[in-house]
Amino acid sequence: MTSAPAIGFEYRPSRLLQRLRGLLVVLAVVALLLSGMALSVRLLLGLLLIGVLALMQRRQRATPTAVGWHPMSGWTVRMADGSDAPMSLRSFRVLAGCVVLNLAGVGGRHDLWLLPDNSDPDTRRRLRMRLAATGGQTP
């Protein structure tokens, strides 16, 4: 392939991951409440788990709204305020057709999960092919 087309897509956090995270916290709180620890310790740990979930949800609101890759300029991330930040791909994983990108740059570090509920199959397929061909690096 002499010239690779750019890849761009809008990004929104996966609702599936949010629900799974919430379910895990609920199960952990229920396990704490059913455990034999002192009531004060159970309540304290339960509040700590709920606080961790709230922090994770808050952090997720600062995720990018769009991501783009071009063979010459590399990765660019558009944030919610409309600013664009150049990023570099630190690592990526392909898990059962889903793609996880770990991007880092001046705008911070972002783990982007591209799952069936927040991205279309064609975008994930093109991204998997491009990452496999280049190893995630720009020429």
C-alpha atoms as a PDB file:
ATOM      1  CA  MET A   1       0.000   0.000   0.000  1.00  0.00           C
ATOM      2  CA  THR A   2       1.746   3.161  -1.159  1.00  0.00           C
ATOM      3  CA  SER A   3      -0.391   5.690   0.650  1.00  0.00           C
ATOM      4  CA  ALA A   4      -2.348   4.895   3.776  1.00  0.00           C
ATOM      5  CA  PRO A   5      -5.549   6.844   4.291  1.00  0.00           C
ATOM      6  CA  ALA A   6      -6.074   8.756   7.478  1.00  0.00           C
ATOM      7  CA  ILE A   7      -8.375   7.307  10.108  1.00  0.00           C
ATOM      8  CA  GLY A   8     -10.666   9.531  12.126  1.00  0.00           C
ATOM      9  CA  PHE A   9     -13.579   8.774  14.388  1.00  0.00           C
ATOM     10  CA  GLU A  10     -15.707  10.311  17.087  1.00  0.00           C
ATOM     11  CA  TYR A  11     -15.245   8.837  20.523  1.00  0.00           C
ATOM     12  CA  ARG A  12     -17.598   8.465  23.443  1.00  0.00           C
ATOM     13  CA  PRO A  13     -17.032   6.320  26.519  1.00  0.00           C
ATOM     14  CA  SER A  14     -18.519   2.852  26.432  1.00  0.00           C
ATOM     15  CA  ARG A  15     -21.774   2.494  28.343  1.00  0.00           C
ATOM     16  CA  LEU A  16     -21.077  -1.215  28.673  1.00  0.00           C
ATOM     17  CA  LEU A  17     -17.869  -0.562  30.623  1.00  0.00           C
ATOM     18  CA  GLN A  18     -19.645   1.989  32.823  1.00  0.00           C
ATOM     19  CA  ARG A  19     -22.336  -0.526  33.691  1.00  0.00           C
ATOM     20  CA  LEU A  20     -19.825  -3.298  34.360  1.00  0.00           C
ATOM     21  CA  ARG A  21     -17.839  -0.998  36.618  1.00  0.00           C
ATOM     22  CA  GLY A  22     -20.983  -0.049  38.522  1.00  0.00           C
ATOM     23  CA  LEU A  23     -21.996  -3.698  38.844  1.00  0.00           C
ATOM     24  CA  LEU A  24     -18.584  -4.639  40.223  1.00  0.00           C
ATOM     25  CA  VAL A  25     -18.757  -1.864  42.818  1.00  0.00           C
ATOM     26  CA  VAL A  26     -22.275  -2.930  43.851  1.00  0.00           C
ATOM     27  CA  LEU A  27     -21.127  -6.556  44.200  1.00  0.00           C
ATOM     28  CA  ALA A  28     -18.101  -5.467  46.235  1.00  0.00           C
ATOM     29  CA  VAL A  29     -20.305  -3.367  48.555  1.00  0.00           C
ATOM     30  CA  VAL A  30     -22.732  -6.273  48.998  1.00  0.00           C
ATOM     31  CA  ALA A  31     -19.804  -8.600  49.770  1.00  0.00           C
ATOM     32  CA  LEU A  32     -18.559  -6.107  52.356  1.00  0.00           C
ATOM     33  CA  LEU A  33     -21.967  -5.812  53.977  1.00  0.00           C
ATOM     34  CA  LEU A  34     -22.289  -9.602  54.192  1.00  0.00           C
ATOM     35  CA  SER A  35     -18.790 -10.089  55.567  1.00  0.00           C
ATOM     36  CA  GLY A  36     -17.993 -10.653  59.232  1.00  0.00           C
ATOM     37  CA  MET A  37     -16.076  -7.398  59.700  1.00  0.00           C
ATOM     38  CA  ALA A  38     -17.164  -4.767  62.175  1.00  0.00           C
ATOM     39  CA  LEU A  39     -20.045  -2.615  60.953  1.00  0.00           C
ATOM     40  CA  SER A  40     -17.994   0.586  61.042  1.00  0.00           C
ATOM     41  CA  VAL A  41     -15.239  -0.999  58.897  1.00  0.00           C
ATOM     42  CA  ARG A  42     -17.792  -2.346  56.418  1.00  0.00           C
ATOM     43  CA  LEU A  43     -19.470   1.046  56.074  1.00  0.00           C
ATOM     44  CA  LEU A  44     -16.137   2.841  55.714  1.00  0.00           C
ATOM     45  CA  LEU A  45     -14.931   0.459  52.998  1.00  0.00           C
ATOM     46  CA  GLY A  46     -18.318   0.661  51.244  1.00  0.00           C
ATOM     47  CA  LEU A  47     -18.117   4.458  51.169  1.00  0.00           C
ATOM     48  CA  LEU A  48     -14.547   4.211  49.888  1.00  0.00           C
ATOM     49  CA  LEU A  49     -15.653   1.951  47.018  1.00  0.00           C
ATOM     50  CA  ILE A  50     -18.478   4.303  46.094  1.00  0.00           C
ATOM     51  CA  GLY A  51     -16.011   7.211  46.191  1.00  0.00           C
ATOM     52  CA  VAL A  52     -13.659   5.363  43.860  1.00  0.00           C
ATOM     53  CA  LEU A  53     -16.536   4.772  41.439  1.00  0.00           C
ATOM     54  CA  ALA A  54     -17.432   8.480  41.541  1.00  0.00           C
ATOM     55  CA  LEU A  55     -13.801   9.429  40.808  1.00  0.00           C
ATOM     56  CA  MET A  56     -13.673   7.004  37.885  1.00  0.00           C
ATOM     57  CA  GLN A  57     -16.888   8.468  36.428  1.00  0.00           C
ATOM     58  CA  ARG A  58     -15.525  12.002  36.871  1.00  0.00           C
ATOM     59  CA  ARG A  59     -12.254  11.105  35.158  1.00  0.00           C
ATOM     60  CA  GLN A  60     -14.159   9.554  32.276  1.00  0.00           C
ATOM     61  CA  ARG A  61     -15.880  12.887  31.562  1.00  0.00           C
ATOM     62  CA  ALA A  62     -12.468  14.299  30.584  1.00  0.00           C
ATOM     63  CA  THR A  63     -12.092  11.836  27.714  1.00  0.00           C
ATOM     64  CA  PRO A  64     -11.570  12.923  24.117  1.00  0.00           C
ATOM     65  CA  THR A  65     -14.523  13.491  21.791  1.00  0.00           C
ATOM     66  CA  ALA A  66     -12.674  12.602  18.567  1.00  0.00           C
ATOM     67  CA  VAL A  67      -9.473  10.833  17.575  1.00  0.00           C
ATOM     68  CA  GLY A  68      -7.555  10.956  14.319  1.00  0.00           C
ATOM     69  CA  TRP A  69      -4.513   9.284  12.861  1.00  0.00           C
ATOM     70  CA  HIS A  70      -2.608  10.325   9.762  1.00  0.00           C
ATOM     71  CA  PRO A  71       0.510   8.577   8.439  1.00  0.00           C
ATOM     72  CA  MET A  72       2.504  11.821   8.384  1.00  0.00           C
ATOM     73  CA  SER A  73       1.308  13.679  11.464  1.00  0.00           C
ATOM     74  CA  GLY A  74       0.488  10.804  13.816  1.00  0.00           C
ATOM     75  CA  TRP A  75      -2.275  10.820  16.423  1.00  0.00           C
ATOM     76  CA  THR A  76      -4.442  13.830  17.246  1.00  0.00           C
ATOM     77  CA  VAL A  77      -7.092  13.992  19.943  1.00  0.00           C
ATOM     78  CA  ARG A  78      -9.920  16.527  20.115  1.00  0.00           C
ATOM     79  CA  MET A  79     -11.001  17.325  23.647  1.00  0.00           C
ATOM     80  CA  ALA A  80     -14.471  18.375  24.826  1.00  0.00           C
ATOM     81  CA  ASP A  81     -13.479  22.075  24.795  1.00  0.00           C
ATOM     82  CA  GLY A  82     -12.658  21.842  21.069  1.00  0.00           C
ATOM     83  CA  SER A  83      -8.882  21.951  21.441  1.00  0.00           C
ATOM     84  CA  ASP A  84      -6.718  19.509  19.511  1.00  0.00           C
ATOM     85  CA  ALA A  85      -3.756  17.830  21.172  1.00  0.00           C
ATOM     86  CA  PRO A  86      -1.057  15.819  19.413  1.00  0.00           C
ATOM     87  CA  MET A  87      -0.588  12.441  21.050  1.00  0.00           C
ATOM     88  CA  SER A  88       1.669   9.462  20.705  1.00  0.00           C
ATOM     89  CA  LEU A  89       0.523   5.879  20.865  1.00  0.00           C
ATOM     90  CA  ARG A  90       2.154   4.267  23.904  1.00  0.00           C
ATOM     91  CA  SER A  91       0.557   0.865  23.376  1.00  0.00           C
ATOM     92  CA  PHE A  92      -2.471  -0.861  21.947  1.00  0.00           C
ATOM     93  CA  ARG A  93      -4.285  -4.135  22.428  1.00  0.00           C
ATOM     94  CA  VAL A  94      -6.767  -5.992  20.288  1.00  0.00           C
ATOM     95  CA  LEU A  95      -9.075  -8.115  22.422  1.00  0.00           C
ATOM     96  CA  ALA A  96     -11.681 -10.212  20.600  1.00  0.00           C
ATOM     97  CA  GLY A  97     -12.235  -7.603  17.912  1.00  0.00           C
ATOM     98  CA  CYS A  98     -12.188  -4.671  20.343  1.00  0.00           C
ATOM     99  CA  VAL A  99      -9.360  -2.162  20.331  1.00  0.00           C
ATOM    100  CA  VAL A 100      -7.778  -0.502  23.363  1.00  0.00           C
ATOM    101  CA  LEU A 101      -5.538   2.494  22.628  1.00  0.00           C
ATOM    102  CA  ASN A 102      -3.199   4.024  25.191  1.00  0.00           C
ATOM    103  CA  LEU A 103      -2.415   7.563  24.024  1.00  0.00           C
ATOM    104  CA  ALA A 104      -0.188  10.074  25.820  1.00  0.00           C
ATOM    105  CA  GLY A 105       0.803  13.646  25.153  1.00  0.00           C
ATOM    106  CA  VAL A 106       0.569  17.203  26.423  1.00  0.00           C
ATOM    107  CA  GLY A 107      -3.165  16.733  27.048  1.00  0.00           C
ATOM    108  CA  GLY A 108      -2.502  13.838  29.439  1.00  0.00           C
ATOM    109  CA  ARG A 109      -2.846  10.092  29.123  1.00  0.00           C
ATOM    110  CA  HIS A 110      -5.973   8.444  27.758  1.00  0.00           C
ATOM    111  CA  ASP A 111      -7.014   4.806  27.552  1.00  0.00           C
ATOM    112  CA  LEU A 112      -9.614   4.564  24.803  1.00  0.00           C
ATOM    113  CA  TRP A 113     -11.728   1.415  24.632  1.00  0.00           C
ATOM    114  CA  LEU A 114     -13.353   0.904  21.235  1.00  0.00           C
ATOM    115  CA  LEU A 115     -16.148  -1.588  21.813  1.00  0.00           C
ATOM    116  CA  PRO A 116     -19.256  -2.492  19.788  1.00  0.00           C
ATOM    117  CA  ASP A 117     -21.400  -0.024  21.747  1.00  0.00           C
ATOM    118  CA  ASN A 118     -19.231   3.050  21.084  1.00  0.00           C
ATOM    119  CA  SER A 119     -17.681   2.443  17.654  1.00  0.00           C
ATOM    120  CA  ASP A 120     -18.690   0.908  14.373  1.00  0.00           C
ATOM    121  CA  PRO A 121     -17.167  -2.382  13.133  1.00  0.00           C
ATOM    122  CA  ASP A 122     -15.599  -0.781  10.047  1.00  0.00           C
ATOM    123  CA  THR A 123     -13.637   1.752  12.111  1.00  0.00           C
ATOM    124  CA  ARG A 124     -12.369  -0.952  14.465  1.00  0.00           C
ATOM    125  CA  ARG A 125     -11.414  -3.174  11.514  1.00  0.00           C
ATOM    126  CA  ARG A 126      -9.501  -0.396   9.720  1.00  0.00           C
ATOM    127  CA  LEU A 127      -7.801   0.588  12.950  1.00  0.00           C
ATOM    128  CA  ARG A 128      -6.802  -3.024  13.696  1.00  0.00           C
ATOM    129  CA  MET A 129      -5.379  -3.408  10.196  1.00  0.00           C
ATOM    130  CA  ARG A 130      -3.446  -0.124  10.389  1.00  0.00           C
ATOM    131  CA  LEU A 131      -2.056  -0.920  13.845  1.00  0.00           C
ATOM    132  CA  ALA A 132      -0.994  -4.391  12.702  1.00  0.00           C
ATOM    133  CA  ALA A 133       0.677  -3.017   9.580  1.00  0.00           C
ATOM    134  CA  THR A 134       2.615  -0.233  11.276  1.00  0.00           C
ATOM    135  CA  GLY A 135       2.914  -1.525  14.818  1.00  0.00           C
ATOM    136  CA  GLY A 136       1.180   1.698  15.836  1.00  0.00           C
ATOM    137  CA  GLN A 137       4.130   3.819  14.681  1.00  0.00           C
ATOM    138  CA  THR A 138       4.216   6.506  12.037  1.00  0.00           C
ATOM    139  CA  PRO A 139       6.797   6.040   9.277  1.00  0.00           C
END
